[in-house]
């Protein structure tokens, strides 16, 4: 949000860097969709299964939880980190490591 001198209105401005926009979108999606899903899956796993069917269901939920945590964790961070290095190198005229 920005303000112009002499005006009471508020103006909204988007970030100039596309990677900042992407990072913001990923973070907001994680907050709204992924974090609540992970919380729900973890709470289901805290309940003791009462029969074989529920035990099988919990095994599948645990696999899904591990997959989501893996996908949202290191791989995404590596992509964003790599993109940041490329952007920084481009801005300074350096080479891409």
PDB file of N, CA and C in Angstrom:
ATOM      1  N   UNK A   1       0.843  -1.154   0.000  1.00  0.00           N
ATOM      2  CA  UNK A   1       0.000   0.000   0.000  1.00  0.00           C
ATOM      3  C   UNK A   1       0.904   1.238   0.000  1.00  0.00           C
ATOM      4  N   UNK A   2       0.543   2.204  -0.807  1.00  0.00           N
ATOM      5  CA  UNK A   2       1.317   3.443  -0.858  1.00  0.00           C
ATOM      6  C   UNK A   2       0.376   4.627  -0.704  1.00  0.00           C
ATOM      7  N   UNK A   3       0.939   5.742  -0.320  1.00  0.00           N
ATOM      8  CA  UNK A   3       0.175   6.986  -0.191  1.00  0.00           C
ATOM      9  C   UNK A   3       0.811   8.034  -1.089  1.00  0.00           C
ATOM     10  N   UNK A   4      -0.029   8.894  -1.625  1.00  0.00           N
ATOM     11  CA  UNK A   4       0.473  10.007  -2.414  1.00  0.00           C
ATOM     12  C   UNK A   4       0.321  11.267  -1.578  1.00  0.00           C
ATOM     13  N   UNK A   5       1.323  12.111  -1.638  1.00  0.00           N
ATOM     14  CA  UNK A   5       1.328  13.335  -0.847  1.00  0.00           C
ATOM     15  C   UNK A   5       0.110  14.182  -1.200  1.00  0.00           C
ATOM     16  N   UNK A   6      -0.594  14.626  -0.175  1.00  0.00           N
ATOM     17  CA  UNK A   6      -1.751  15.482  -0.361  1.00  0.00           C
ATOM     18  C   UNK A   6      -3.051  14.732  -0.615  1.00  0.00           C
ATOM     19  N   UNK A   7      -3.017  13.402  -0.647  1.00  0.00           N
ATOM     20  CA  UNK A   7      -4.226  12.619  -0.885  1.00  0.00           C
ATOM     21  C   UNK A   7      -4.479  11.687   0.287  1.00  0.00           C
ATOM     22  N   UNK A   8      -5.758  11.487   0.581  1.00  0.00           N
ATOM     23  CA  UNK A   8      -6.131  10.590   1.667  1.00  0.00           C
ATOM     24  C   UNK A   8      -6.373   9.169   1.176  1.00  0.00           C
ATOM     25  N   UNK A   9      -6.510   9.018  -0.115  1.00  0.00           N
ATOM     26  CA  UNK A   9      -6.753   7.691  -0.673  1.00  0.00           C
ATOM     27  C   UNK A   9      -5.533   6.799  -0.498  1.00  0.00           C
ATOM     28  N   UNK A  10      -5.803   5.516  -0.433  1.00  0.00           N
ATOM     29  CA  UNK A  10      -4.725   4.539  -0.367  1.00  0.00           C
ATOM     30  C   UNK A  10      -4.590   3.882  -1.736  1.00  0.00           C
ATOM     31  N   UNK A  11      -3.370   3.743  -2.164  1.00  0.00           N
ATOM     32  CA  UNK A  11      -3.097   3.117  -3.448  1.00  0.00           C
ATOM     33  C   UNK A  11      -2.345   1.812  -3.205  1.00  0.00           C
ATOM     34  N   UNK A  12      -2.677   0.811  -4.006  1.00  0.00           N
ATOM     35  CA  UNK A  12      -2.034  -0.483  -3.876  1.00  0.00           C
ATOM     36  C   UNK A  12      -1.086  -0.676  -5.045  1.00  0.00           C
ATOM     37  N   UNK A  13       0.072  -1.198  -4.713  1.00  0.00           N
ATOM     38  CA  UNK A  13       1.107  -1.390  -5.711  1.00  0.00           C
ATOM     39  C   UNK A  13       1.616  -2.826  -5.604  1.00  0.00           C
ATOM     40  N   UNK A  14       1.776  -3.485  -6.739  1.00  0.00           N
ATOM     41  CA  UNK A  14       2.281  -4.858  -6.708  1.00  0.00           C
ATOM     42  C   UNK A  14       3.805  -4.842  -6.664  1.00  0.00           C
ATOM     43  N   UNK A  15       4.391  -5.888  -6.095  1.00  0.00           N
ATOM     44  CA  UNK A  15       5.860  -5.967  -6.095  1.00  0.00           C
ATOM     45  C   UNK A  15       6.389  -5.967  -7.530  1.00  0.00           C
ATOM     46  N   UNK A  16       7.549  -5.435  -7.701  1.00  0.00           N
ATOM     47  CA  UNK A  16       8.153  -5.344  -9.041  1.00  0.00           C
ATOM     48  C   UNK A  16       8.752  -6.673  -9.491  1.00  0.00           C
ATOM     49  N   UNK A  17       9.242  -7.455  -8.543  1.00  0.00           N
ATOM     50  CA  UNK A  17       9.920  -8.707  -8.865  1.00  0.00           C
ATOM     51  C   UNK A  17       8.914  -9.855  -8.921  1.00  0.00           C
ATOM     52  N   UNK A  18       8.888 -10.576 -10.023  1.00  0.00           N
ATOM     53  CA  UNK A  18       7.951 -11.682 -10.207  1.00  0.00           C
ATOM     54  C   UNK A  18       8.176 -12.783  -9.169  1.00  0.00           C
ATOM     55  N   UNK A  19       9.417 -12.983  -8.717  1.00  0.00           N
ATOM     56  CA  UNK A  19       9.692 -14.008  -7.708  1.00  0.00           C
ATOM     57  C   UNK A  19       9.131 -13.608  -6.352  1.00  0.00           C
ATOM     58  N   UNK A  20       9.083 -12.311  -6.049  1.00  0.00           N
ATOM     59  CA  UNK A  20       8.438 -11.866  -4.807  1.00  0.00           C
ATOM     60  C   UNK A  20       6.947 -12.149  -4.858  1.00  0.00           C
ATOM     61  N   UNK A  21       6.345 -11.941  -6.012  1.00  0.00           N
ATOM     62  CA  UNK A  21       4.921 -12.239  -6.188  1.00  0.00           C
ATOM     63  C   UNK A  21       4.689 -13.740  -6.025  1.00  0.00           C
ATOM     64  N   UNK A  22       5.512 -14.544  -6.678  1.00  0.00           N
ATOM     65  CA  UNK A  22       5.381 -15.994  -6.590  1.00  0.00           C
ATOM     66  C   UNK A  22       5.533 -16.470  -5.148  1.00  0.00           C
ATOM     67  N   UNK A  23       6.542 -15.952  -4.457  1.00  0.00           N
ATOM     68  CA  UNK A  23       6.780 -16.336  -3.064  1.00  0.00           C
ATOM     69  C   UNK A  23       5.578 -15.984  -2.187  1.00  0.00           C
ATOM     70  N   UNK A  24       4.994 -14.809  -2.409  1.00  0.00           N
ATOM     71  CA  UNK A  24       3.811 -14.388  -1.654  1.00  0.00           C
ATOM     72  C   UNK A  24       2.627 -15.309  -1.943  1.00  0.00           C
ATOM     73  N   UNK A  25       2.423 -15.644  -3.207  1.00  0.00           N
ATOM     74  CA  UNK A  25       1.320 -16.539  -3.568  1.00  0.00           C
ATOM     75  C   UNK A  25       1.486 -17.911  -2.922  1.00  0.00           C
ATOM     76  N   UNK A  26       2.685 -18.440  -2.952  1.00  0.00           N
ATOM     77  CA  UNK A  26       2.944 -19.751  -2.348  1.00  0.00           C
ATOM     78  C   UNK A  26       2.693 -19.699  -0.848  1.00  0.00           C
ATOM     79  N   UNK A  27       3.173 -18.665  -0.204  1.00  0.00           N
ATOM     80  CA  UNK A  27       3.001 -18.526   1.244  1.00  0.00           C
ATOM     81  C   UNK A  27       1.526 -18.407   1.626  1.00  0.00           C
ATOM     82  N   UNK A  28       0.767 -17.608   0.897  1.00  0.00           N
ATOM     83  CA  UNK A  28      -0.654 -17.439   1.207  1.00  0.00           C
ATOM     84  C   UNK A  28      -1.432 -18.728   0.947  1.00  0.00           C
ATOM     85  N   UNK A  29      -1.096 -19.424  -0.105  1.00  0.00           N
ATOM     86  CA  UNK A  29      -1.762 -20.707  -0.393  1.00  0.00           C
ATOM     87  C   UNK A  29      -1.457 -21.710   0.714  1.00  0.00           C
ATOM     88  N   UNK A  30      -0.222 -21.707   1.167  1.00  0.00           N
ATOM     89  CA  UNK A  30       0.158 -22.598   2.257  1.00  0.00           C
ATOM     90  C   UNK A  30      -0.647 -22.284   3.517  1.00  0.00           C
ATOM     91  N   UNK A  31      -0.769 -21.007   3.858  1.00  0.00           N
ATOM     92  CA  UNK A  31      -1.515 -20.607   5.055  1.00  0.00           C
ATOM     93  C   UNK A  31      -2.990 -20.984   4.969  1.00  0.00           C
ATOM     94  N   UNK A  32      -3.600 -20.758   3.815  1.00  0.00           N
ATOM     95  CA  UNK A  32      -5.042 -20.975   3.655  1.00  0.00           C
ATOM     96  C   UNK A  32      -5.425 -22.424   3.430  1.00  0.00           C
ATOM     97  N   UNK A  33      -4.589 -23.170   2.723  1.00  0.00           N
ATOM     98  CA  UNK A  33      -4.993 -24.512   2.304  1.00  0.00           C
ATOM     99  C   UNK A  33      -4.141 -25.633   2.890  1.00  0.00           C
ATOM    100  N   UNK A  34      -2.855 -25.499   2.811  1.00  0.00           N
ATOM    101  CA  UNK A  34      -1.987 -26.612   3.191  1.00  0.00           C
ATOM    102  C   UNK A  34      -1.887 -26.758   4.706  1.00  0.00           C
ATOM    103  N   UNK A  35      -1.630 -25.676   5.424  1.00  0.00           N
ATOM    104  CA  UNK A  35      -1.503 -25.766   6.879  1.00  0.00           C
ATOM    105  C   UNK A  35      -2.754 -26.334   7.544  1.00  0.00           C
ATOM    106  N   UNK A  36      -3.966 -25.858   7.191  1.00  0.00           N
ATOM    107  CA  UNK A  36      -5.163 -26.473   7.796  1.00  0.00           C
ATOM    108  C   UNK A  36      -5.315 -27.955   7.458  1.00  0.00           C
ATOM    109  N   UNK A  37      -4.939 -28.346   6.246  1.00  0.00           N
ATOM    110  CA  UNK A  37      -5.016 -29.757   5.853  1.00  0.00           C
ATOM    111  C   UNK A  37      -4.049 -30.584   6.680  1.00  0.00           C
ATOM    112  N   UNK A  38      -2.830 -30.103   6.857  1.00  0.00           N
ATOM    113  CA  UNK A  38      -1.854 -30.822   7.672  1.00  0.00           C
ATOM    114  C   UNK A  38      -2.331 -30.954   9.117  1.00  0.00           C
ATOM    115  N   UNK A  39      -2.922 -29.901   9.643  1.00  0.00           N
ATOM    116  CA  UNK A  39      -3.452 -29.938  11.007  1.00  0.00           C
ATOM    117  C   UNK A  39      -4.542 -30.990  11.135  1.00  0.00           C
ATOM    118  N   UNK A  40      -5.442 -31.034  10.170  1.00  0.00           N
ATOM    119  CA  UNK A  40      -6.519 -32.024  10.183  1.00  0.00           C
ATOM    120  C   UNK A  40      -5.962 -33.448  10.097  1.00  0.00           C
ATOM    121  N   UNK A  41      -5.017 -33.676   9.199  1.00  0.00           N
ATOM    122  CA  UNK A  41      -4.432 -35.009   9.052  1.00  0.00           C
ATOM    123  C   UNK A  41      -3.733 -35.440  10.344  1.00  0.00           C
ATOM    124  N   UNK A  42      -3.007 -34.528  10.956  1.00  0.00           N
ATOM    125  CA  UNK A  42      -2.321 -34.862  12.214  1.00  0.00           C
ATOM    126  C   UNK A  42      -3.321 -35.194  13.317  1.00  0.00           C
ATOM    127  N   UNK A  43      -4.422 -34.441  13.379  1.00  0.00           N
ATOM    128  CA  UNK A  43      -5.417 -34.708  14.422  1.00  0.00           C
ATOM    129  C   UNK A  43      -6.081 -36.072  14.212  1.00  0.00           C
ATOM    130  N   UNK A  44      -6.300 -36.460  12.967  1.00  0.00           N
ATOM    131  CA  UNK A  44      -6.876 -37.784  12.681  1.00  0.00           C
ATOM    132  C   UNK A  44      -5.917 -38.881  13.136  1.00  0.00           C
ATOM    133  N   UNK A  45      -4.627 -38.650  12.912  1.00  0.00           N
ATOM    134  CA  UNK A  45      -3.636 -39.668  13.293  1.00  0.00           C
ATOM    135  C   UNK A  45      -3.487 -39.806  14.804  1.00  0.00           C
ATOM    136  N   UNK A  46      -3.923 -38.808  15.558  1.00  0.00           N
ATOM    137  CA  UNK A  46      -3.843 -38.887  17.020  1.00  0.00           C
ATOM    138  C   UNK A  46      -4.926 -39.794  17.602  1.00  0.00           C
ATOM    139  N   UNK A  47      -5.968 -40.053  16.842  1.00  0.00           N
ATOM    140  CA  UNK A  47      -7.047 -40.919  17.302  1.00  0.00           C
ATOM    141  C   UNK A  47      -6.633 -42.380  17.140  1.00  0.00           C
ATOM    142  N   UNK A  48      -6.966 -43.183  18.117  1.00  0.00           N
ATOM    143  CA  UNK A  48      -6.637 -44.609  18.047  1.00  0.00           C
ATOM    144  C   UNK A  48      -7.622 -45.310  17.109  1.00  0.00           C
ATOM    145  N   UNK A  49      -7.111 -46.086  16.154  1.00  0.00           N
ATOM    146  CA  UNK A  49      -8.013 -46.817  15.259  1.00  0.00           C
ATOM    147  C   UNK A  49      -8.774 -47.897  16.045  1.00  0.00           C
ATOM    148  N   UNK A  50     -10.053 -48.094  15.701  1.00  0.00           N
ATOM    149  CA  UNK A  50     -10.870 -49.077  16.423  1.00  0.00           C
ATOM    150  C   UNK A  50     -10.985 -50.407  15.674  1.00  0.00           C
ATOM    151  N   UNK A  51     -10.581 -50.420  14.404  1.00  0.00           N
ATOM    152  CA  UNK A  51     -10.641 -51.667  13.645  1.00  0.00           C
ATOM    153  C   UNK A  51      -9.586 -51.632  12.540  1.00  0.00           C
ATOM    154  N   UNK A  52      -9.488 -52.727  11.820  1.00  0.00           N
ATOM    155  CA  UNK A  52      -8.479 -52.845  10.759  1.00  0.00           C
ATOM    156  C   UNK A  52      -8.678 -51.816   9.646  1.00  0.00           C
ATOM    157  N   UNK A  53      -9.924 -51.527   9.345  1.00  0.00           N
ATOM    158  CA  UNK A  53     -10.227 -50.553   8.295  1.00  0.00           C
ATOM    159  C   UNK A  53      -9.709 -49.163   8.668  1.00  0.00           C
ATOM    160  N   UNK A  54      -9.921 -48.761   9.911  1.00  0.00           N
ATOM    161  CA  UNK A  54      -9.418 -47.460  10.367  1.00  0.00           C
ATOM    162  C   UNK A  54      -7.890 -47.455  10.441  1.00  0.00           C
ATOM    163  N   UNK A  55      -7.323 -48.578  10.828  1.00  0.00           N
ATOM    164  CA  UNK A  55      -5.863 -48.659  10.874  1.00  0.00           C
ATOM    165  C   UNK A  55      -5.275 -48.490   9.473  1.00  0.00           C
ATOM    166  N   UNK A  56      -5.882 -49.141   8.490  1.00  0.00           N
ATOM    167  CA  UNK A  56      -5.443 -48.986   7.101  1.00  0.00           C
ATOM    168  C   UNK A  56      -5.612 -47.530   6.650  1.00  0.00           C
ATOM    169  N   UNK A  57      -6.740 -46.937   7.008  1.00  0.00           N
ATOM    170  CA  UNK A  57      -6.985 -45.538   6.658  1.00  0.00           C
ATOM    171  C   UNK A  57      -5.935 -44.617   7.254  1.00  0.00           C
ATOM    172  N   UNK A  58      -5.549 -44.872   8.492  1.00  0.00           N
ATOM    173  CA  UNK A  58      -4.522 -44.045   9.127  1.00  0.00           C
ATOM    174  C   UNK A  58      -3.156 -44.232   8.470  1.00  0.00           C
ATOM    175  N   UNK A  59      -2.876 -45.443   8.029  1.00  0.00           N
ATOM    176  CA  UNK A  59      -1.615 -45.662   7.309  1.00  0.00           C
ATOM    177  C   UNK A  59      -1.582 -44.827   6.036  1.00  0.00           C
ATOM    178  N   UNK A  60      -2.693 -44.819   5.320  1.00  0.00           N
ATOM    179  CA  UNK A  60      -2.775 -44.027   4.081  1.00  0.00           C
ATOM    180  C   UNK A  60      -2.674 -42.529   4.386  1.00  0.00           C
ATOM    181  N   UNK A  61      -3.349 -42.089   5.444  1.00  0.00           N
ATOM    182  CA  UNK A  61      -3.294 -40.679   5.835  1.00  0.00           C
ATOM    183  C   UNK A  61      -1.870 -40.304   6.216  1.00  0.00           C
ATOM    184  N   UNK A  62      -1.187 -41.172   6.924  1.00  0.00           N
ATOM    185  CA  UNK A  62       0.202 -40.902   7.299  1.00  0.00           C
ATOM    186  C   UNK A  62       1.086 -40.771   6.064  1.00  0.00           C
ATOM    187  N   UNK A  63       0.877 -41.627   5.080  1.00  0.00           N
ATOM    188  CA  UNK A  63       1.640 -41.528   3.831  1.00  0.00           C
ATOM    189  C   UNK A  63       1.354 -40.201   3.131  1.00  0.00           C
ATOM    190  N   UNK A  64       0.086 -39.811   3.123  1.00  0.00           N
ATOM    191  CA  UNK A  64      -0.295 -38.554   2.488  1.00  0.00           C
ATOM    192  C   UNK A  64       0.336 -37.370   3.226  1.00  0.00           C
ATOM    193  N   UNK A  65       0.318 -37.421   4.544  1.00  0.00           N
ATOM    194  CA  UNK A  65       0.915 -36.366   5.356  1.00  0.00           C
ATOM    195  C   UNK A  65       2.404 -36.232   5.059  1.00  0.00           C
ATOM    196  N   UNK A  66       3.105 -37.350   5.013  1.00  0.00           N
ATOM    197  CA  UNK A  66       4.543 -37.326   4.718  1.00  0.00           C
ATOM    198  C   UNK A  66       4.812 -36.752   3.330  1.00  0.00           C
ATOM    199  N   UNK A  67       4.001 -37.121   2.364  1.00  0.00           N
ATOM    200  CA  UNK A  67       4.173 -36.619   1.002  1.00  0.00           C
ATOM    201  C   UNK A  67       3.959 -35.099   0.934  1.00  0.00           C
ATOM    202  N   UNK A  68       2.904 -34.627   1.569  1.00  0.00           N
ATOM    203  CA  UNK A  68       2.623 -33.190   1.560  1.00  0.00           C
ATOM    204  C   UNK A  68       3.749 -32.435   2.249  1.00  0.00           C
ATOM    205  N   UNK A  69       4.202 -32.945   3.397  1.00  0.00           N
ATOM    206  CA  UNK A  69       5.299 -32.274   4.108  1.00  0.00           C
ATOM    207  C   UNK A  69       6.572 -32.244   3.270  1.00  0.00           C
ATOM    208  N   UNK A  70       6.847 -33.328   2.569  1.00  0.00           N
ATOM    209  CA  UNK A  70       8.025 -33.377   1.702  1.00  0.00           C
ATOM    210  C   UNK A  70       7.891 -32.386   0.545  1.00  0.00           C
ATOM    211  N   UNK A  71       6.727 -32.389  -0.084  1.00  0.00           N
ATOM    212  CA  UNK A  71       6.513 -31.507  -1.240  1.00  0.00           C
ATOM    213  C   UNK A  71       6.545 -30.036  -0.848  1.00  0.00           C
ATOM    214  N   UNK A  72       6.064 -29.724   0.323  1.00  0.00           N
ATOM    215  CA  UNK A  72       6.002 -28.325   0.760  1.00  0.00           C
ATOM    216  C   UNK A  72       7.289 -27.875   1.416  1.00  0.00           C
ATOM    217  N   UNK A  73       8.135 -28.784   1.730  1.00  0.00           N
ATOM    218  CA  UNK A  73       9.344 -28.455   2.458  1.00  0.00           C
ATOM    219  C   UNK A  73      10.533 -28.202   1.592  1.00  0.00           C
ATOM    220  N   UNK A  74      11.411 -29.135   1.554  1.00  0.00           N
ATOM    221  CA  UNK A  74      12.729 -28.933   0.976  1.00  0.00           C
ATOM    222  C   UNK A  74      12.706 -28.621  -0.515  1.00  0.00           C
ATOM    223  N   UNK A  75      11.864 -29.286  -1.279  1.00  0.00           N
ATOM    224  CA  UNK A  75      11.884 -29.064  -2.729  1.00  0.00           C
ATOM    225  C   UNK A  75      11.448 -27.652  -3.084  1.00  0.00           C
ATOM    226  N   UNK A  76      10.402 -27.174  -2.461  1.00  0.00           N
ATOM    227  CA  UNK A  76       9.927 -25.812  -2.740  1.00  0.00           C
ATOM    228  C   UNK A  76      10.971 -24.797  -2.305  1.00  0.00           C
ATOM    229  N   UNK A  77      11.570 -25.010  -1.137  1.00  0.00           N
ATOM    230  CA  UNK A  77      12.593 -24.095  -0.650  1.00  0.00           C
ATOM    231  C   UNK A  77      13.797 -24.061  -1.589  1.00  0.00           C
ATOM    232  N   UNK A  78      14.157 -25.220  -2.149  1.00  0.00           N
ATOM    233  CA  UNK A  78      15.280 -25.264  -3.092  1.00  0.00           C
ATOM    234  C   UNK A  78      14.968 -24.447  -4.339  1.00  0.00           C
ATOM    235  N   UNK A  79      13.750 -24.582  -4.863  1.00  0.00           N
ATOM    236  CA  UNK A  79      13.361 -23.832  -6.068  1.00  0.00           C
ATOM    237  C   UNK A  79      13.400 -22.341  -5.786  1.00  0.00           C
ATOM    238  N   UNK A  80      12.819 -21.927  -4.656  1.00  0.00           N
ATOM    239  CA  UNK A  80      12.793 -20.500  -4.331  1.00  0.00           C
ATOM    240  C   UNK A  80      14.202 -19.979  -4.060  1.00  0.00           C
ATOM    241  N   UNK A  81      15.029 -20.780  -3.416  1.00  0.00           N
ATOM    242  CA  UNK A  81      16.414 -20.371  -3.166  1.00  0.00           C
ATOM    243  C   UNK A  81      17.195 -20.241  -4.453  1.00  0.00           C
ATOM    244  N   UNK A  82      17.011 -21.189  -5.367  1.00  0.00           N
ATOM    245  CA  UNK A  82      17.691 -21.142  -6.654  1.00  0.00           C
ATOM    246  C   UNK A  82      17.245 -19.918  -7.444  1.00  0.00           C
ATOM    247  N   UNK A  83      15.936 -19.640  -7.426  1.00  0.00           N
ATOM    248  CA  UNK A  83      15.416 -18.470  -8.135  1.00  0.00           C
ATOM    249  C   UNK A  83      16.006 -17.186  -7.558  1.00  0.00           C
ATOM    250  N   UNK A  84      16.152 -17.141  -6.242  1.00  0.00           N
ATOM    251  CA  UNK A  84      16.746 -15.963  -5.613  1.00  0.00           C
ATOM    252  C   UNK A  84      18.187 -15.760  -6.026  1.00  0.00           C
ATOM    253  N   UNK A  85      18.946 -16.864  -6.132  1.00  0.00           N
ATOM    254  CA  UNK A  85      20.336 -16.764  -6.573  1.00  0.00           C
ATOM    255  C   UNK A  85      20.423 -16.258  -8.003  1.00  0.00           C
ATOM    256  N   UNK A  86      19.550 -16.760  -8.869  1.00  0.00           N
ATOM    257  CA  UNK A  86      19.547 -16.317 -10.264  1.00  0.00           C
ATOM    258  C   UNK A  86      19.221 -14.830 -10.340  1.00  0.00           C
ATOM    259  N   UNK A  87      18.193 -14.414  -9.602  1.00  0.00           N
ATOM    260  CA  UNK A  87      17.791 -13.006  -9.615  1.00  0.00           C
ATOM    261  C   UNK A  87      18.927 -12.121  -9.120  1.00  0.00           C
ATOM    262  N   UNK A  88      19.575 -12.535  -8.028  1.00  0.00           N
ATOM    263  CA  UNK A  88      20.661 -11.739  -7.469  1.00  0.00           C
ATOM    264  C   UNK A  88      21.814 -11.636  -8.459  1.00  0.00           C
ATOM    265  N   UNK A  89      22.140 -12.742  -9.121  1.00  0.00           N
ATOM    266  CA  UNK A  89      23.226 -12.743 -10.108  1.00  0.00           C
ATOM    267  C   UNK A  89      22.875 -11.833 -11.282  1.00  0.00           C
ATOM    268  N   UNK A  90      21.615 -11.880 -11.718  1.00  0.00           N
ATOM    269  CA  UNK A  90      21.184 -11.022 -12.819  1.00  0.00           C
ATOM    270  C   UNK A  90      21.277  -9.544 -12.438  1.00  0.00           C
ATOM    271  N   UNK A  91      20.935  -9.236 -11.209  1.00  0.00           N
ATOM    272  CA  UNK A  91      20.941  -7.842 -10.763  1.00  0.00           C
ATOM    273  C   UNK A  91      22.356  -7.311 -10.625  1.00  0.00           C
ATOM    274  N   UNK A  92      23.297  -8.186 -10.243  1.00  0.00           N
ATOM    275  CA  UNK A  92      24.665  -7.733 -10.051  1.00  0.00           C
ATOM    276  C   UNK A  92      25.572  -7.994 -11.239  1.00  0.00           C
ATOM    277  N   UNK A  93      25.022  -8.669 -12.250  1.00  0.00           N
ATOM    278  CA  UNK A  93      25.816  -8.975 -13.427  1.00  0.00           C
ATOM    279  C   UNK A  93      26.768 -10.138 -13.217  1.00  0.00           C
ATOM    280  N   UNK A  94      26.527 -10.867 -12.116  1.00  0.00           N
ATOM    281  CA  UNK A  94      27.378 -12.015 -11.790  1.00  0.00           C
ATOM    282  C   UNK A  94      26.951 -13.268 -12.517  1.00  0.00           C
ATOM    283  N   UNK A  95      27.643 -14.342 -12.182  1.00  0.00           N
ATOM    284  CA  UNK A  95      27.320 -15.602 -12.802  1.00  0.00           C
ATOM    285  C   UNK A  95      26.328 -16.371 -11.942  1.00  0.00           C
ATOM    286  N   UNK A  96      25.649 -17.327 -12.559  1.00  0.00           N
ATOM    287  CA  UNK A  96      24.654 -18.171 -11.896  1.00  0.00           C
ATOM    288  C   UNK A  96      25.349 -19.363 -11.267  1.00  0.00           C
ATOM    289  N   UNK A  97      25.269 -19.522  -9.916  1.00  0.00           N
ATOM    290  CA  UNK A  97      25.884 -20.684  -9.245  1.00  0.00           C
ATOM    291  C   UNK A  97      24.862 -21.761  -9.056  1.00  0.00           C
TER     292      UNK A  97
END
